[in-house]
Amino acid sequence: MPEPTSFSLHFIRSEQHMMLPTVTSIKLTQNLYNALFQYVYTEEREKLLKKLIEMLESHIKSKASTPFSRPLAELEFLDEGLEELKLLNWHQITVSVFEISLPDGQPLDEERLEEVLTQLEGLMMFSRPAGSNTLWVYPYTLVR
């Protein structure tokens, strides 16, 4: 068995996220789009909503074992639509943000990052924002 990759996790901050309920479907996602569309007043906000829905659909189709959440700051464009999310059983949670690094400043290529992520999967519930070495670590109360 190969030696596990040595790495460090550096706590960056805590941030508030809105988290999708655990039971969901693509149909619900389309209903969500229809419900939130009324809170989108500009073309730019419509693009942001479409991007959010695409990420959500992708998450659902992947059948991921981790929650889907987005930073609250990223969803502020919805204005009153955030209250609509709460009515649809989305939860506001505190997520810890960590950065992965290797000892002595070694480069963290995708292969080594995947090794680290595999090691962490048995230890904590997390998701990784696309294309980064950052982790969103979810509270242990979600997995108890």
Foldseek 3Di string as FASTA:
>chain_A
DDDAADKDKAWDDKFKKWWDPPDDDLVVLVVLLVVLVVQQDDPVLNVLSVVVSVVVNVCVVVVDPAIDIDTPVSVCSSPCSVVVSVVVVTDIFMWIKIAMAHPPRDDCDPVSLVSVVVVCVVPFGWDDDPPGRMITTGDCVVVD
